[in-house]
Protein backbone atom coordinates (compact mmCIF):
# COMPACT_ATOMS: atom_id res chain seq x y z
CA MET A 1 249.89 48.77 32.80
CA LYS A 2 250.18 49.30 29.78
CA LEU A 3 249.59 48.61 26.25
CA ARG A 4 253.21 50.92 25.02
CA HIS A 5 254.84 49.23 27.97
CA LEU A 6 254.87 46.33 26.10
CA GLU A 7 255.60 47.99 22.75
CA VAL A 8 258.95 49.95 24.02
CA PHE A 9 260.14 46.04 25.71
CA VAL A 10 259.28 43.60 22.66
CA GLU A 11 261.08 46.57 20.78
CA VAL A 12 263.78 47.16 23.00
CA ALA A 13 264.71 43.61 23.31
CA ARG A 14 264.70 42.67 19.40
CA GLN A 15 267.25 45.99 18.97
CA GLY A 16 269.03 45.22 21.81
CA SER A 17 269.61 49.04 21.66
CA VAL A 18 267.77 52.33 23.40
CA THR A 19 268.48 54.56 20.36
CA LEU A 20 267.32 51.94 17.56
CA ALA A 21 264.64 51.06 19.45
CA ALA A 22 263.66 54.41 20.22
CA GLU A 23 264.57 55.52 16.44
CA ALA A 24 262.18 52.10 15.40
CA LEU A 25 258.97 53.22 17.20
CA GLY A 26 259.14 57.04 17.19
CA LEU A 27 259.54 57.56 20.09
CA THR A 28 262.78 59.81 22.33
CA GLN A 29 265.48 57.91 23.99
CA PRO A 30 263.94 59.19 27.37
CA ALA A 31 260.62 57.60 26.71
CA VAL A 32 261.80 54.46 25.82
CA THR A 33 263.88 54.28 29.10
CA ARG A 34 260.73 55.69 31.20
CA ALA A 35 258.37 53.77 30.19
CA LEU A 36 261.16 50.41 30.74
CA ARG A 37 261.45 51.59 34.29
CA GLU A 38 257.86 51.53 34.60
CA LEU A 39 257.38 48.20 33.28
CA GLU A 40 260.55 47.69 35.52
CA ALA A 41 258.37 48.50 38.89
CA VAL A 42 255.32 46.85 37.98
CA CYS A 43 257.46 43.63 37.01
CA GLY A 44 259.41 44.79 40.35
CA LYS A 45 262.25 43.12 38.31
CA PRO A 46 265.01 44.44 36.55
CA LEU A 47 264.19 43.87 32.43
CA VAL A 48 267.73 45.21 31.42
CA GLU A 49 270.97 45.93 32.90
CA ARG A 50 273.94 47.48 31.01
CA HIS A 51 276.47 45.67 29.11
CA GLY A 52 278.96 47.54 27.68
CA ARG A 53 278.11 50.74 26.32
CA GLY A 54 274.97 49.19 25.33
CA ILE A 55 271.88 46.91 27.40
CA ARG A 56 271.24 43.41 27.26
CA LEU A 57 267.67 42.35 28.43
CA SER A 58 268.47 40.70 32.42
CA PRO A 59 268.17 37.22 33.15
CA TYR A 60 263.78 38.60 34.33
CA GLY A 61 263.53 40.16 31.56
CA ASP A 62 264.47 37.18 29.33
CA MET A 63 261.38 34.79 30.49
CA PHE A 64 259.50 37.86 30.61
CA ARG A 65 260.50 38.95 26.76
CA HIS A 66 258.24 36.03 25.06
CA HIS A 67 254.99 36.86 27.35
CA ALA A 68 255.18 40.40 26.19
CA GLY A 69 255.14 39.33 22.68
CA ARG A 70 252.08 37.24 22.98
CA SER A 71 250.01 39.69 24.79
CA LEU A 72 251.33 42.42 21.98
CA ALA A 73 250.57 39.91 19.37
CA LEU A 74 246.85 38.29 20.52
CA ALA A 75 246.25 42.48 21.43
CA ARG A 76 246.61 43.23 17.69
CA ASP A 77 245.33 40.46 16.59
CA GLY A 78 242.01 41.97 18.44
CA VAL A 79 242.05 45.06 16.89
CA ALA A 80 243.21 43.62 13.51
CA MET A 81 239.76 41.54 13.23
CA LEU A 82 237.56 44.66 14.75
CA GLN A 83 238.67 46.60 12.07
CA GLY A 84 238.03 44.41 9.99
CA LEU A 85 234.26 44.38 10.62
CA GLU A 86 234.80 47.76 8.31
CA ALA A 87 231.89 47.94 6.37
CA GLY A 88 233.12 47.58 2.01
CA GLU A 89 236.68 46.25 3.29
CA GLY A 90 237.08 41.82 3.51
CA PRO A 91 239.32 40.53 5.88
CA GLN A 92 242.65 40.10 5.14
CA LEU A 93 246.52 37.68 5.82
CA SER A 94 249.96 38.92 6.28
CA VAL A 95 251.91 35.99 4.78
CA GLY A 96 255.75 35.97 5.08
CA ALA A 97 257.83 33.88 3.01
CA LEU A 98 260.92 32.76 2.31
CA PRO A 99 263.03 31.30 -1.20
CA THR A 100 262.10 28.53 -1.01
CA VAL A 101 258.36 28.79 -1.51
CA SER A 102 257.67 32.56 -2.25
CA ALA A 103 257.84 32.36 -5.93
CA THR A 104 255.86 28.66 -5.93
CA LEU A 105 253.70 27.40 -3.93
CA VAL A 106 252.71 30.56 -1.97
CA PRO A 107 251.03 32.46 -5.49
CA ASP A 108 250.04 28.93 -5.63
CA ALA A 109 247.69 28.94 -3.13
CA LEU A 110 246.60 32.85 -3.48
CA ALA A 111 245.94 32.58 -7.30
CA GLU A 112 243.90 29.14 -5.40
CA LEU A 113 242.22 31.66 -3.08
CA GLY A 114 240.87 34.06 -6.05
CA ALA A 115 243.76 36.62 -4.82
CA GLY A 116 243.21 40.17 -6.93
CA GLU A 117 238.92 38.63 -7.53
CA THR A 118 237.96 39.23 -4.24
CA ARG A 119 236.74 41.20 -1.65
CA SER A 120 240.32 39.44 0.89
CA ARG A 121 243.63 41.28 1.41
CA PHE A 122 246.30 39.29 1.08
CA SER A 123 250.12 41.55 1.84
CA VAL A 124 253.05 39.50 1.27
CA THR A 125 255.90 39.82 2.69
CA THR A 126 260.12 38.31 1.54
CA GLY A 127 263.34 38.49 3.51
CA ASP A 128 265.98 36.15 6.23
CA ASN A 129 263.82 33.84 8.24
CA ARG A 130 264.95 36.03 11.21
CA TYR A 131 262.82 39.64 10.01
CA LEU A 132 260.36 37.00 9.06
CA LEU A 133 260.27 35.31 12.90
CA ASP A 134 260.34 38.78 14.74
CA GLN A 135 257.70 40.51 12.48
CA LEU A 136 255.00 36.93 13.36
CA ARG A 137 255.80 37.33 16.81
CA ARG A 138 255.21 41.22 16.99
CA GLY A 139 251.26 40.09 14.53
CA ASP A 140 252.41 41.66 12.63
CA LEU A 141 252.37 38.47 9.90
CA ASP A 142 250.10 35.99 11.09
CA LEU A 143 252.34 32.84 9.90
CA VAL A 144 255.08 32.29 8.27
CA VAL A 145 255.65 29.49 5.14
CA GLY A 146 259.48 28.07 5.56
CA ARG A 147 262.35 25.81 6.45
CA LEU A 148 261.55 24.85 9.98
CA PRO A 149 264.58 26.72 12.14
CA ALA A 150 266.67 25.92 14.98
CA PRO A 151 265.07 24.78 17.61
CA GLU A 152 266.74 27.78 19.84
CA HIS A 153 264.61 29.51 17.43
CA MET A 154 261.13 28.44 17.81
CA VAL A 155 260.11 30.07 21.51
CA GLY A 156 256.17 30.95 20.88
CA ILE A 157 255.89 29.51 17.43
CA ASP A 158 254.23 26.14 16.51
CA PHE A 159 255.53 24.60 13.51
CA GLU A 160 253.14 22.41 11.14
CA PRO A 161 256.05 20.25 8.80
CA LEU A 162 253.81 20.24 4.92
CA PHE A 163 256.95 18.24 2.80
CA HIS A 164 260.97 18.11 2.24
CA GLU A 165 263.25 19.62 0.79
CA SER A 166 267.12 19.06 -0.01
CA VAL A 167 269.33 21.99 -0.79
CA ALA A 168 270.51 21.67 -5.01
CA VAL A 169 274.23 22.50 -6.22
CA VAL A 170 272.98 23.64 -10.05
CA VAL A 171 275.41 24.90 -13.39
CA ALA A 172 273.17 26.49 -15.95
CA ALA A 173 272.38 23.98 -19.42
CA GLY A 174 275.91 24.79 -21.36
CA HIS A 175 278.11 24.85 -18.61
CA PRO A 176 280.90 23.07 -18.66
CA LEU A 177 280.16 20.45 -15.46
CA ALA A 178 277.02 20.12 -16.79
CA GLY A 179 275.77 16.54 -17.36
CA LEU A 180 278.87 14.65 -15.52
CA ALA A 181 278.97 11.72 -13.85
CA HIS A 182 280.98 12.53 -11.46
CA LEU A 183 283.28 16.07 -10.77
CA PRO A 184 286.50 16.56 -10.94
CA PRO A 185 288.69 17.24 -8.61
CA GLY A 186 288.34 21.19 -7.81
CA ALA A 187 285.78 21.63 -9.56
CA LEU A 188 284.07 24.32 -7.12
CA GLN A 189 287.71 26.52 -6.99
CA SER A 190 287.21 26.52 -10.95
CA TYR A 191 283.91 28.18 -10.67
CA PRO A 192 282.50 31.16 -9.04
CA VAL A 193 281.05 29.64 -6.17
CA LEU A 194 277.23 31.30 -4.78
CA MET A 195 277.17 29.88 -0.93
CA PRO A 196 274.13 30.45 1.20
CA SER A 197 274.78 32.98 4.16
CA LYS A 198 276.59 32.89 7.50
CA GLY A 199 273.45 32.79 9.54
CA SER A 200 271.16 31.04 7.52
CA ILE A 201 268.13 27.84 8.29
CA ILE A 202 270.64 25.96 5.75
CA ARG A 203 274.48 26.49 6.04
CA PRO A 204 275.83 24.69 8.73
CA LEU A 205 274.14 21.88 5.72
CA VAL A 206 276.15 22.58 3.04
CA GLU A 207 279.14 22.87 5.11
CA ARG A 208 278.32 19.38 6.01
CA LEU A 209 277.92 18.64 2.73
CA PHE A 210 281.68 19.52 1.72
CA LEU A 211 283.08 17.46 4.35
CA GLU A 212 281.02 14.86 3.60
CA GLN A 213 281.69 14.78 -0.16
CA GLY A 214 285.56 15.43 0.55
CA LEU A 215 284.83 18.68 -1.11
CA GLY A 216 286.99 21.69 0.45
CA MET A 217 285.31 25.38 1.35
CA PRO A 218 285.41 27.49 -1.77
CA GLN A 219 287.69 30.03 -1.17
CA ALA A 220 285.83 32.40 -1.90
CA PRO A 221 282.20 32.28 -2.94
CA VAL A 222 279.74 35.21 -2.95
CA GLU A 223 277.32 35.43 -0.41
CA THR A 224 273.73 34.68 -1.16
CA VAL A 225 270.45 34.39 0.16
CA SER A 226 268.50 36.94 -2.78
CA ALA A 227 266.96 34.53 -5.98
CA THR A 228 266.41 36.78 -8.20
CA PHE A 229 270.96 37.95 -8.24
CA GLY A 230 271.70 33.68 -7.70
CA ARG A 231 269.85 33.08 -10.74
CA ARG A 232 270.47 35.75 -13.20
CA PHE A 233 274.70 35.25 -11.50
CA VAL A 234 274.29 31.25 -12.59
CA LEU A 235 272.81 31.37 -16.66
CA ASP A 236 274.88 34.55 -17.42
CA HIS A 237 277.65 34.44 -14.91
CA GLY A 238 278.84 30.66 -15.04
CA ALA A 239 278.54 29.73 -11.84
CA ILE A 240 278.01 26.73 -8.89
CA TRP A 241 275.01 27.64 -7.11
CA ILE A 242 274.09 26.53 -3.50
CA ILE A 243 270.44 26.98 -2.69
CA SER A 244 267.42 25.09 -1.67
CA GLN A 245 265.89 23.09 -4.23
CA GLY A 246 262.83 24.92 -4.24
CA VAL A 247 264.19 27.59 -5.60
CA VAL A 248 265.57 26.09 -8.73
CA ARG A 249 262.86 23.51 -9.57
CA ALA A 250 261.21 25.54 -11.99
CA ASP A 251 264.12 25.74 -13.71
CA LEU A 252 265.49 22.18 -13.53
CA ARG A 253 262.08 21.17 -14.63
CA ALA A 254 263.04 22.96 -17.83
CA GLY A 255 266.22 21.86 -18.49
CA VAL A 256 267.32 25.80 -17.89
CA MET A 257 270.04 24.12 -15.01
CA GLN A 258 270.95 20.86 -14.53
CA ALA A 259 271.81 19.74 -11.10
CA LEU A 260 276.29 18.34 -10.63
CA PRO A 261 276.28 14.51 -9.44
CA LEU A 262 276.61 15.40 -4.73
CA ASP A 263 274.41 12.87 -3.00
CA THR A 264 272.65 15.50 -1.14
CA LYS A 265 270.02 13.49 0.57
CA SER A 266 272.01 14.78 3.88
CA THR A 267 270.58 18.35 3.57
CA GLN A 268 266.89 17.39 3.34
CA GLY A 269 264.63 19.08 5.86
CA PRO A 270 260.77 19.57 6.16
CA VAL A 271 259.53 22.96 4.58
CA GLY A 272 256.13 24.08 6.77
CA LEU A 273 253.86 26.52 8.37
CA CYS A 274 255.19 29.14 11.17
CA MET A 275 252.36 30.01 12.99
CA ARG A 276 252.45 32.27 17.25
CA SER A 277 250.99 29.74 19.42
CA GLU A 278 247.99 30.66 21.07
CA HIS A 279 246.43 32.46 17.93
CA GLN A 280 243.09 31.52 16.63
CA LEU A 281 244.49 32.08 12.33
CA SER A 282 240.73 33.49 10.80
CA ASP A 283 238.85 31.82 7.94
CA LEU A 284 240.65 33.32 5.06
CA GLY A 285 244.03 32.14 6.52
CA LEU A 286 242.59 28.62 7.81
CA ARG A 287 241.58 28.44 4.01
CA PHE A 288 245.11 29.64 2.40
CA CYS A 289 247.37 25.95 4.74
CA ALA A 290 244.38 24.16 3.78
CA CYS A 291 245.30 25.62 0.23
CA LEU A 292 249.11 25.23 0.26
CA ARG A 293 248.57 21.18 1.88
CA ASN A 294 246.77 20.71 -1.52
CA LEU A 295 249.33 21.45 -3.39
CA CYS A 296 251.66 19.70 -1.54
CA SER A 297 249.45 16.52 -1.96
CA ALA A 298 248.94 16.89 -5.03
CA THR A 299 252.30 17.62 -5.59
CA ASP A 300 253.94 14.74 -4.65
CA ALA A 301 250.45 12.82 -6.43
CA GLU A 302 252.12 13.85 -9.37
CA GLY A 303 255.54 12.52 -8.69
CA GLY A 304 256.96 15.87 -7.69
CA SER A 305 260.60 16.82 -7.41
CA GLN A 306 260.06 17.86 -3.15
CA THR A 307 260.21 14.66 -0.69
CA GLY A 308 256.30 14.47 -0.13
CA PRO A 309 254.12 15.62 2.58
CA VAL A 310 253.71 15.88 5.67
CA GLU A 311 250.85 14.23 7.21
CA ALA A 312 248.34 17.40 9.50
CA SER A 313 245.90 15.33 10.64
CA GLY A 314 242.95 18.00 11.51
CA ALA A 315 243.40 19.54 6.99
CA GLN A 316 240.15 18.87 6.45
CA THR A 317 238.46 20.83 9.45
CA GLY A 318 241.26 23.69 9.81
CA GLN A 319 242.34 22.77 12.93
CA ARG A 320 246.53 22.37 13.21
CA HIS A 321 248.63 19.76 13.49
CA ALA A 322 251.54 21.70 14.80
CA THR A 323 254.67 20.50 16.68
CA ASP A 324 255.83 22.16 19.25
CA ILE A 325 259.76 23.16 19.32
CA ALA A 326 260.78 24.35 22.74
CA GLY A 327 264.41 26.85 22.93
CA ASP A 328 264.93 30.36 22.64
CA GLY A 329 265.05 33.15 20.95
CA VAL A 330 265.11 34.13 17.04
CA GLN A 331 269.06 33.92 8.74
CA GLU A 332 267.49 32.28 6.76
CA ILE A 333 266.28 33.35 4.03
CA LEU A 334 265.17 29.27 3.23
């Protein structure tokens, strides 16, 4: 069995298509099919099966998928470690960041580590949670910072909570709803509403919030998880924005936006670090995680708006305090 066999299988499993996997890997479809057949011969079991006009993983393939992904990621870790030993090159850290931390916590941690001023090399990738976790499993990312996904999306991933936060419902300062003690009936039907996209981590929490508050779902919401688009639309076009609090924390503190009078405690959830099981972070990765923990503790001590850090034993020694989540498989972007 060769590394190429694992690369082909993991990509086919991720794409659910031989054609898309071939395009992603720069191979021909026959080459991908041949590699699958060779891997099946080694395993002695069928790993894929026909499904409609396409294919899907067989039960055996589903069992093998996570082992193959971890093996491939570990091999890539080893290659990256050896490549990092080249003279004149500093260590590299690849971080995935969801919007709730990409504009606040992550840049602050990188600045504390001296990014741009040392030989250490950093790569920061943003995107939806499904994409980032796929990149993490493949070994393209060392860790992901953001909200805890559903348990079924956390197979082979450890999670270390840093703090808890809630969803915020905000408008621009000066909006007709700003400063009201109670929302008038039909408020969400009278203005444009921005909501998290279907498939995002916080979308079910937002839908439950509407039920709890006795509010009707907006008739035609704009579904988005783009912080840049959301901020512009709220400030310039009078929209109501439902988003993770971390995305709008700076604007709320600056008085640029105001939160509407809705109790959002039920949307509270942990934000933290996602790392591959069995993956040993580099010294640079451990120092980055320590910076994140320190920043969360400092924010809490100063009375920041996040609910507070979750104590992690081993924080001073660089060990992970991980919560293993069982489940199957891996869009948020919060």
